[in-house]
Amino acid sequence: MTEKLDRRKKYTRMVLKDSLIALLKSKPLSAITVKEICSHADINRSTFYTHYKDHYDLLNKIEEEIIADMNVYLNEHNFGQKEKSLQTTKKLLEYIVSKHDICYTLLIKNKDTSFEERVMEVARGFLIDNWMDDHEMDSSDSNYISTFIISGSIHVIKYWLSHNMDKTPQQIAEIINTIATNGLGNGNC
């Protein structure tokens, strides 16, 4: 009996999340109502409220799950020091490919920047752990440098997503890492 109830809860949460993502493709979160989400999911509003406070809470939970999943995915891989930065960037991009629909919607269609900021924090943690260790700099400068690199990287990723991922994760990782390591001065970009 408990297993059936757990499956029902999981199913309900899944269809509510899918419904919100589908609605976000055509309108901003502020224009979406709980009634619309429930109608799209074919779920009663009272059922919605047993799981979430409101549609903002639902979006927050979706973002939290993606970020937690992204962290687990990136932490599963151990690379040698020389290949760490490139491979971590590639793995992040592969993760985004695996969750293309939701990442595209949350990064491009949804005008709220909270998901983008959360992705930037994940990337910042990995950048500081991987890339910054290889480059000598004042620790007070590392926050500025990492913000610059990560902001640019996020916008490269958004551009890549909006252009139907016209390059492979490896190619985009190489572009990002070349610019982060060498700037535009090496002429390979």
Protein backbone atom coordinates (compact mmCIF):
# COMPACT_ATOMS: atom_id res chain seq x y z
CA MET A 1 0.00 0.00 0.00
CA THR A 2 2.79 2.45 0.89
CA GLU A 3 4.61 1.76 -2.39
CA LYS A 4 1.44 2.54 -4.38
CA LEU A 5 1.00 5.79 -2.49
CA ASP A 6 4.64 6.74 -3.10
CA ARG A 7 4.23 6.04 -6.83
CA ARG A 8 1.11 8.19 -6.93
CA LYS A 9 2.89 11.05 -5.18
CA LYS A 10 5.83 10.76 -7.56
CA TYR A 11 3.50 10.70 -10.56
CA THR A 12 1.52 13.70 -9.29
CA ARG A 13 4.68 15.72 -8.71
CA MET A 14 6.06 14.72 -12.10
CA VAL A 15 2.95 15.81 -14.03
CA LEU A 16 2.76 19.07 -12.11
CA LYS A 17 6.42 19.81 -12.89
CA ASP A 18 5.97 18.87 -16.54
CA SER A 19 2.89 21.07 -16.75
CA LEU A 20 4.66 24.08 -15.31
CA ILE A 21 7.61 23.62 -17.70
CA ALA A 22 5.21 23.31 -20.64
CA LEU A 23 3.40 26.51 -19.63
CA LEU A 24 6.69 28.38 -19.09
CA LYS A 25 7.50 27.84 -22.77
CA SER A 26 4.72 30.22 -23.74
CA LYS A 27 4.38 32.68 -20.85
CA PRO A 28 6.25 34.04 -17.83
CA LEU A 29 5.78 32.53 -14.40
CA SER A 30 3.94 35.62 -13.17
CA ALA A 31 1.24 35.02 -15.81
CA ILE A 32 0.74 31.36 -14.89
CA THR A 33 -1.84 30.33 -12.31
CA VAL A 34 -2.12 27.24 -10.16
CA LYS A 35 -5.47 26.62 -11.86
CA GLU A 36 -3.74 26.50 -15.28
CA ILE A 37 -1.06 24.11 -14.02
CA CYS A 38 -3.71 21.83 -12.52
CA SER A 39 -5.84 21.92 -15.64
CA HIS A 40 -2.84 21.10 -17.82
CA ALA A 41 -1.83 18.26 -15.46
CA ASP A 42 -5.40 17.04 -14.96
CA ILE A 43 -4.89 17.30 -11.21
CA ASN A 44 -7.20 18.88 -8.61
CA ARG A 45 -6.07 22.13 -7.04
CA SER A 46 -6.39 20.63 -3.57
CA THR A 47 -3.94 17.92 -4.66
CA PHE A 48 -1.56 20.59 -5.92
CA TYR A 49 -1.63 22.32 -2.53
CA THR A 50 -0.80 19.10 -0.68
CA HIS A 51 2.54 19.14 -2.52
CA TYR A 52 3.38 22.84 -3.09
CA LYS A 53 2.53 26.21 -1.56
CA ASP A 54 2.11 27.90 -4.93
CA HIS A 55 3.55 27.88 -8.46
CA TYR A 56 6.66 29.74 -7.27
CA ASP A 57 7.31 26.95 -4.78
CA LEU A 58 6.86 24.39 -7.56
CA LEU A 59 9.41 26.19 -9.77
CA ASN A 60 11.80 26.45 -6.83
CA LYS A 61 11.55 22.68 -6.23
CA ILE A 62 12.18 21.98 -9.93
CA GLU A 63 15.29 24.18 -9.84
CA GLU A 64 16.52 22.58 -6.61
CA GLU A 65 16.19 19.09 -8.10
CA ILE A 66 18.05 20.04 -11.29
CA ILE A 67 20.88 21.69 -9.33
CA ALA A 68 21.19 18.75 -6.93
CA ASP A 69 21.15 16.33 -9.86
CA MET A 70 23.76 18.43 -11.68
CA ASN A 71 26.03 18.39 -8.62
CA VAL A 72 25.74 14.62 -8.29
CA TYR A 73 26.43 14.16 -12.00
CA LEU A 74 29.53 16.38 -11.92
CA ASN A 75 30.85 14.83 -8.70
CA GLU A 76 30.69 11.33 -10.21
CA HIS A 77 33.64 12.11 -12.46
CA ASN A 78 37.26 12.33 -11.39
CA PHE A 79 39.74 13.70 -13.89
CA GLY A 80 43.47 14.26 -13.83
CA GLN A 81 44.54 17.82 -13.06
CA LYS A 82 45.45 18.73 -16.65
CA GLU A 83 42.17 17.54 -18.14
CA LYS A 84 39.93 18.53 -15.20
CA SER A 85 38.70 21.91 -16.40
CA LEU A 86 37.88 20.83 -19.96
CA GLN A 87 36.28 17.55 -18.91
CA THR A 88 34.22 19.16 -16.13
CA THR A 89 32.93 21.76 -18.60
CA LYS A 90 32.14 19.00 -21.11
CA LYS A 91 30.30 16.98 -18.45
CA LEU A 92 28.26 20.04 -17.47
CA LEU A 93 27.31 20.53 -21.12
CA GLU A 94 26.46 16.83 -21.51
CA TYR A 95 24.20 17.14 -18.49
CA ILE A 96 22.48 20.13 -20.09
CA VAL A 97 22.00 18.09 -23.29
CA SER A 98 20.44 15.26 -21.27
CA LYS A 99 17.99 17.77 -19.73
CA HIS A 100 17.70 19.95 -22.84
CA ASP A 101 13.99 20.73 -22.63
CA ILE A 102 13.96 21.83 -19.01
CA CYS A 103 17.32 23.67 -19.20
CA TYR A 104 16.26 25.48 -22.36
CA THR A 105 12.99 26.53 -20.75
CA LEU A 106 14.53 27.63 -17.45
CA LEU A 107 17.56 29.40 -18.95
CA ILE A 108 16.00 30.97 -22.04
CA LYS A 109 12.19 31.04 -21.92
CA ASN A 110 11.81 31.82 -18.22
CA LYS A 111 12.84 35.44 -17.62
CA ASP A 112 13.42 34.80 -13.90
CA THR A 113 17.18 34.55 -13.37
CA SER A 114 17.13 32.37 -10.24
CA PHE A 115 17.94 29.16 -12.15
CA GLU A 116 20.74 30.89 -14.06
CA GLU A 117 22.17 32.16 -10.77
CA ARG A 118 22.01 28.66 -9.28
CA VAL A 119 23.78 27.16 -12.29
CA MET A 120 26.41 29.88 -11.97
CA GLU A 121 27.01 28.93 -8.33
CA VAL A 122 27.49 25.26 -9.25
CA ALA A 123 29.86 26.27 -12.03
CA ARG A 124 31.69 28.68 -9.73
CA GLY A 125 32.35 25.90 -7.23
CA PHE A 126 33.81 23.64 -9.89
CA LEU A 127 35.74 26.48 -11.54
CA ILE A 128 37.36 27.57 -8.30
CA ASP A 129 38.19 23.94 -7.42
CA ASN A 130 39.55 23.07 -10.86
CA TRP A 131 40.71 26.05 -12.85
CA MET A 132 41.72 28.56 -10.22
CA ASP A 133 44.13 26.09 -8.57
CA ASP A 134 46.20 26.04 -11.77
CA HIS A 135 46.52 29.82 -12.02
CA GLU A 136 48.29 31.98 -9.47
CA MET A 137 46.29 35.03 -8.47
CA ASP A 138 45.24 37.06 -5.50
CA SER A 139 42.36 35.27 -3.76
CA SER A 140 40.38 38.51 -3.66
CA ASP A 141 40.60 38.66 -7.47
CA SER A 142 39.39 35.09 -7.94
CA ASN A 143 35.75 36.05 -7.30
CA TYR A 144 35.87 38.73 -9.98
CA ILE A 145 37.64 36.47 -12.45
CA SER A 146 35.33 33.53 -11.81
CA THR A 147 32.26 35.78 -12.16
CA PHE A 148 33.54 37.04 -15.51
CA ILE A 149 34.33 33.56 -16.81
CA ILE A 150 31.11 31.98 -15.56
CA SER A 151 28.86 34.80 -16.80
CA GLY A 152 30.40 34.54 -20.23
CA SER A 153 30.15 30.75 -20.15
CA ILE A 154 26.46 30.84 -19.19
CA HIS A 155 25.74 33.17 -22.10
CA VAL A 156 27.69 30.91 -24.46
CA ILE A 157 25.58 27.99 -23.22
CA LYS A 158 22.35 29.97 -23.65
CA TYR A 159 23.39 30.93 -27.18
CA TRP A 160 24.24 27.28 -27.91
CA LEU A 161 20.86 26.11 -26.57
CA SER A 162 18.98 28.73 -28.58
CA HIS A 163 20.81 27.61 -31.74
CA ASN A 164 19.70 23.98 -31.37
CA MET A 165 23.03 22.87 -29.89
CA ASP A 166 24.70 23.21 -33.28
CA LYS A 167 28.07 22.12 -31.84
CA THR A 168 28.95 19.14 -29.67
CA PRO A 169 29.48 19.49 -25.92
CA GLN A 170 33.19 18.84 -26.56
CA GLN A 171 33.41 21.73 -29.05
CA ILE A 172 31.62 24.17 -26.74
CA ALA A 173 33.76 23.03 -23.78
CA GLU A 174 36.89 23.69 -25.84
CA ILE A 175 35.66 27.19 -26.78
CA ILE A 176 34.82 28.05 -23.18
CA ASN A 177 38.07 26.65 -21.79
CA THR A 178 40.24 28.26 -24.47
CA ILE A 179 38.78 31.68 -23.73
CA ALA A 180 38.95 31.11 -19.95
CA THR A 181 42.58 29.99 -20.14
CA ASN A 182 44.02 32.10 -22.94
CA GLY A 183 41.50 34.84 -23.63
CA LEU A 184 40.98 35.73 -27.25
CA GLY A 185 44.70 36.22 -27.81
CA ASN A 186 45.56 32.74 -29.09
CA GLY A 187 43.47 33.08 -32.27
CA ASN A 188 41.82 29.63 -32.05
CA CYS A 189 38.35 30.94 -31.28
